[in-house]
Amino acid sequence: MEQYIERIKEAYPKMYSKDLVENLFKNPYTKIEFIMNDLQVSKPTAMDYLNKLIKIGLLKKEKRWKTNYYINEQLYKLFT
């Protein structure tokens, strides 16, 4: 978690929040709706956050049917 906090603060200091990082570690994946609900932000803001996290290599986007999942690969590797 500490590495994620540092990388987010370094790349996007205004975007960092404790709630955001906690959301990324609740499950090995997150969705736009999870970010919207946990952080109380709009859909465009949630999408922007997730795309920025992909850009700095913290998440990987996978589309399953009509839903996009944002995978925390480091956390996923711990579970497998």
N, C-alpha and C. Protein backbone atom coordinates (compact mmCIF):
# COMPACT_ATOMS: atom_id res chain seq x y z
N MET A 1 0.83 -1.19 0.00
CA MET A 1 0.00 0.00 0.00
C MET A 1 0.87 1.25 0.00
N GLU A 2 1.95 1.18 0.73
CA GLU A 2 2.82 2.36 0.83
C GLU A 2 3.38 2.76 -0.53
N GLN A 3 3.74 1.75 -1.35
CA GLN A 3 4.25 2.03 -2.68
C GLN A 3 3.20 2.73 -3.53
N TYR A 4 1.97 2.30 -3.41
CA TYR A 4 0.88 2.92 -4.16
C TYR A 4 0.70 4.37 -3.73
N ILE A 5 0.73 4.59 -2.42
CA ILE A 5 0.56 5.95 -1.90
C ILE A 5 1.65 6.86 -2.45
N GLU A 6 2.89 6.39 -2.40
CA GLU A 6 4.01 7.20 -2.90
C GLU A 6 3.87 7.50 -4.39
N ARG A 7 3.52 6.48 -5.17
CA ARG A 7 3.43 6.67 -6.63
C ARG A 7 2.28 7.60 -6.99
N ILE A 8 1.17 7.50 -6.30
CA ILE A 8 0.03 8.39 -6.58
C ILE A 8 0.39 9.82 -6.18
N LYS A 9 0.96 9.99 -5.00
CA LYS A 9 1.34 11.33 -4.55
C LYS A 9 2.36 11.97 -5.47
N GLU A 10 3.28 11.16 -6.00
CA GLU A 10 4.31 11.67 -6.89
C GLU A 10 3.72 12.08 -8.24
N ALA A 11 2.87 11.24 -8.81
CA ALA A 11 2.33 11.49 -10.14
C ALA A 11 1.14 12.44 -10.13
N TYR A 12 0.24 12.27 -9.17
CA TYR A 12 -1.01 13.05 -9.12
C TYR A 12 -1.33 13.44 -7.69
N PRO A 13 -0.60 14.38 -7.12
CA PRO A 13 -0.81 14.72 -5.70
C PRO A 13 -2.22 15.18 -5.37
N LYS A 14 -2.90 15.85 -6.28
CA LYS A 14 -4.25 16.33 -6.00
C LYS A 14 -5.27 15.20 -6.00
N MET A 15 -4.94 14.11 -6.65
CA MET A 15 -5.86 12.98 -6.76
C MET A 15 -5.77 12.06 -5.53
N TYR A 16 -4.65 12.07 -4.83
CA TYR A 16 -4.44 11.14 -3.72
C TYR A 16 -5.48 11.33 -2.63
N SER A 17 -6.00 10.21 -2.14
CA SER A 17 -6.81 10.20 -0.92
C SER A 17 -6.68 8.82 -0.29
N LYS A 18 -6.83 8.80 1.01
CA LYS A 18 -6.77 7.54 1.75
C LYS A 18 -7.87 6.60 1.26
N ASP A 19 -9.05 7.14 0.99
CA ASP A 19 -10.18 6.33 0.53
C ASP A 19 -9.89 5.68 -0.82
N LEU A 20 -9.20 6.40 -1.69
CA LEU A 20 -8.85 5.84 -2.99
C LEU A 20 -7.94 4.63 -2.83
N VAL A 21 -6.90 4.77 -2.04
CA VAL A 21 -5.95 3.67 -1.85
C VAL A 21 -6.64 2.50 -1.16
N GLU A 22 -7.47 2.77 -0.19
CA GLU A 22 -8.19 1.68 0.49
C GLU A 22 -9.10 0.94 -0.48
N ASN A 23 -9.72 1.67 -1.41
CA ASN A 23 -10.56 1.04 -2.41
C ASN A 23 -9.76 0.07 -3.27
N LEU A 24 -8.53 0.45 -3.60
CA LEU A 24 -7.69 -0.39 -4.45
C LEU A 24 -7.26 -1.67 -3.76
N PHE A 25 -7.35 -1.71 -2.43
CA PHE A 25 -6.90 -2.88 -1.69
C PHE A 25 -8.04 -3.65 -1.02
N LYS A 26 -9.28 -3.25 -1.22
CA LYS A 26 -10.41 -4.02 -0.68
C LYS A 26 -10.52 -5.37 -1.37
N ASN A 27 -10.34 -5.34 -2.68
CA ASN A 27 -10.42 -6.52 -3.54
C ASN A 27 -9.28 -6.43 -4.54
N PRO A 28 -8.98 -7.52 -5.24
CA PRO A 28 -7.92 -7.42 -6.24
C PRO A 28 -8.35 -6.68 -7.50
N TYR A 29 -9.59 -6.21 -7.51
CA TYR A 29 -10.07 -5.41 -8.64
C TYR A 29 -11.01 -4.33 -8.12
N THR A 30 -11.24 -3.34 -8.98
CA THR A 30 -12.24 -2.33 -8.65
C THR A 30 -13.01 -2.03 -9.93
N LYS A 31 -14.07 -1.27 -9.78
CA LYS A 31 -14.89 -0.85 -10.93
C LYS A 31 -15.21 0.63 -10.76
N ILE A 32 -15.65 1.23 -11.83
CA ILE A 32 -16.00 2.65 -11.80
C ILE A 32 -17.02 2.90 -10.69
N GLU A 33 -18.01 2.02 -10.59
CA GLU A 33 -19.06 2.21 -9.59
C GLU A 33 -18.51 2.17 -8.17
N PHE A 34 -17.51 1.33 -7.93
CA PHE A 34 -16.92 1.24 -6.59
C PHE A 34 -16.25 2.57 -6.22
N ILE A 35 -15.52 3.14 -7.17
CA ILE A 35 -14.84 4.42 -6.94
C ILE A 35 -15.88 5.52 -6.72
N MET A 36 -16.92 5.53 -7.55
CA MET A 36 -17.97 6.54 -7.41
C MET A 36 -18.59 6.49 -6.01
N ASN A 37 -18.92 5.29 -5.56
CA ASN A 37 -19.58 5.14 -4.26
C ASN A 37 -18.65 5.41 -3.09
N ASP A 38 -17.44 4.86 -3.13
CA ASP A 38 -16.52 5.01 -2.00
C ASP A 38 -15.96 6.42 -1.86
N LEU A 39 -15.74 7.10 -2.99
CA LEU A 39 -15.14 8.42 -2.95
C LEU A 39 -16.16 9.55 -3.14
N GLN A 40 -17.41 9.17 -3.42
CA GLN A 40 -18.47 10.15 -3.66
C GLN A 40 -18.08 11.12 -4.77
N VAL A 41 -17.69 10.55 -5.93
CA VAL A 41 -17.31 11.35 -7.09
C VAL A 41 -18.19 10.97 -8.26
N SER A 42 -18.18 11.82 -9.29
CA SER A 42 -18.97 11.56 -10.48
C SER A 42 -18.32 10.47 -11.33
N LYS A 43 -19.07 9.96 -12.28
CA LYS A 43 -18.55 8.92 -13.17
C LYS A 43 -17.34 9.41 -13.96
N PRO A 44 -17.38 10.62 -14.56
CA PRO A 44 -16.19 11.09 -15.29
C PRO A 44 -14.95 11.21 -14.39
N THR A 45 -15.14 11.63 -13.15
CA THR A 45 -14.02 11.75 -12.22
C THR A 45 -13.47 10.38 -11.87
N ALA A 46 -14.35 9.42 -11.61
CA ALA A 46 -13.91 8.06 -11.30
C ALA A 46 -13.15 7.47 -12.48
N MET A 47 -13.64 7.67 -13.69
CA MET A 47 -12.96 7.17 -14.88
C MET A 47 -11.59 7.82 -15.04
N ASP A 48 -11.52 9.11 -14.76
CA ASP A 48 -10.24 9.83 -14.84
C ASP A 48 -9.24 9.25 -13.84
N TYR A 49 -9.66 9.04 -12.63
CA TYR A 49 -8.78 8.46 -11.59
C TYR A 49 -8.25 7.10 -12.05
N LEU A 50 -9.16 6.24 -12.51
CA LEU A 50 -8.75 4.90 -12.91
C LEU A 50 -7.81 4.92 -14.11
N ASN A 51 -8.08 5.78 -15.07
CA ASN A 51 -7.19 5.89 -16.23
C ASN A 51 -5.81 6.41 -15.84
N LYS A 52 -5.76 7.31 -14.89
CA LYS A 52 -4.46 7.81 -14.42
C LYS A 52 -3.69 6.71 -13.68
N LEU A 53 -4.40 5.89 -12.93
CA LEU A 53 -3.75 4.79 -12.22
C LEU A 53 -3.23 3.74 -13.20
N ILE A 54 -3.93 3.55 -14.30
CA ILE A 54 -3.44 2.66 -15.36
C ILE A 54 -2.17 3.25 -15.97
N LYS A 55 -2.20 4.54 -16.23
CA LYS A 55 -1.06 5.22 -16.87
C LYS A 55 0.22 5.08 -16.06
N ILE A 56 0.12 5.09 -14.73
CA ILE A 56 1.33 4.97 -13.91
C ILE A 56 1.60 3.52 -13.50
N GLY A 57 0.84 2.59 -14.06
CA GLY A 57 1.13 1.18 -13.88
C GLY A 57 0.62 0.53 -12.60
N LEU A 58 -0.33 1.16 -11.93
CA LEU A 58 -0.85 0.57 -10.69
C LEU A 58 -2.04 -0.35 -10.93
N LEU A 59 -2.73 -0.15 -12.04
CA LEU A 59 -3.88 -0.99 -12.38
C LEU A 59 -3.78 -1.44 -13.83
N LYS A 60 -4.51 -2.50 -14.14
CA LYS A 60 -4.63 -2.99 -15.50
C LYS A 60 -6.11 -3.11 -15.81
N LYS A 61 -6.53 -2.61 -16.96
CA LYS A 61 -7.94 -2.63 -17.33
C LYS A 61 -8.25 -3.89 -18.12
N GLU A 62 -9.33 -4.56 -17.71
CA GLU A 62 -9.82 -5.73 -18.44
C GLU A 62 -11.32 -5.60 -18.63
N LYS A 63 -11.75 -5.81 -19.86
CA LYS A 63 -13.18 -5.72 -20.16
C LYS A 63 -13.76 -7.13 -20.20
N ARG A 64 -14.80 -7.35 -19.44
CA ARG A 64 -15.54 -8.61 -19.44
C ARG A 64 -16.99 -8.28 -19.74
N TRP A 65 -17.46 -8.78 -20.86
CA TRP A 65 -18.78 -8.45 -21.37
C TRP A 65 -18.88 -6.94 -21.53
N LYS A 66 -19.76 -6.30 -20.79
CA LYS A 66 -19.92 -4.84 -20.92
C LYS A 66 -19.27 -4.09 -19.77
N THR A 67 -18.61 -4.79 -18.88
CA THR A 67 -18.07 -4.17 -17.67
C THR A 67 -16.55 -4.11 -17.73
N ASN A 68 -16.01 -2.96 -17.34
CA ASN A 68 -14.57 -2.81 -17.21
C ASN A 68 -14.17 -3.09 -15.76
N TYR A 69 -13.17 -3.93 -15.61
CA TYR A 69 -12.60 -4.22 -14.30
C TYR A 69 -11.18 -3.66 -14.29
N TYR A 70 -10.80 -3.09 -13.18
CA TYR A 70 -9.48 -2.49 -13.03
C TYR A 70 -8.74 -3.33 -12.00
N ILE A 71 -7.78 -4.10 -12.50
CA ILE A 71 -7.11 -5.12 -11.70
C ILE A 71 -5.88 -4.55 -11.00
N ASN A 72 -5.80 -4.78 -9.71
CA ASN A 72 -4.61 -4.47 -8.93
C ASN A 72 -3.74 -5.73 -9.01
N GLU A 73 -2.86 -5.78 -10.02
CA GLU A 73 -2.11 -7.00 -10.29
C GLU A 73 -1.20 -7.41 -9.13
N GLN A 74 -0.61 -6.46 -8.45
CA GLN A 74 0.26 -6.82 -7.32
C GLN A 74 -0.53 -7.51 -6.21
N LEU A 75 -1.71 -7.00 -5.92
CA LEU A 75 -2.55 -7.63 -4.90
C LEU A 75 -3.04 -8.99 -5.40
N TYR A 76 -3.41 -9.06 -6.65
CA TYR A 76 -3.87 -10.33 -7.23
C TYR A 76 -2.79 -11.40 -7.11
N LYS A 77 -1.55 -11.03 -7.38
CA LYS A 77 -0.43 -11.98 -7.29
C LYS A 77 -0.25 -12.51 -5.87
N LEU A 78 -0.53 -11.68 -4.88
CA LEU A 78 -0.44 -12.14 -3.49
C LEU A 78 -1.46 -13.23 -3.17
N PHE A 79 -2.62 -13.14 -3.80
CA PHE A 79 -3.69 -14.09 -3.56
C PHE A 79 -3.53 -15.40 -4.33
N THR A 80 -2.74 -15.36 -5.41
CA THR A 80 -2.63 -16.57 -6.24
C THR A 80 -1.32 -17.30 -6.04
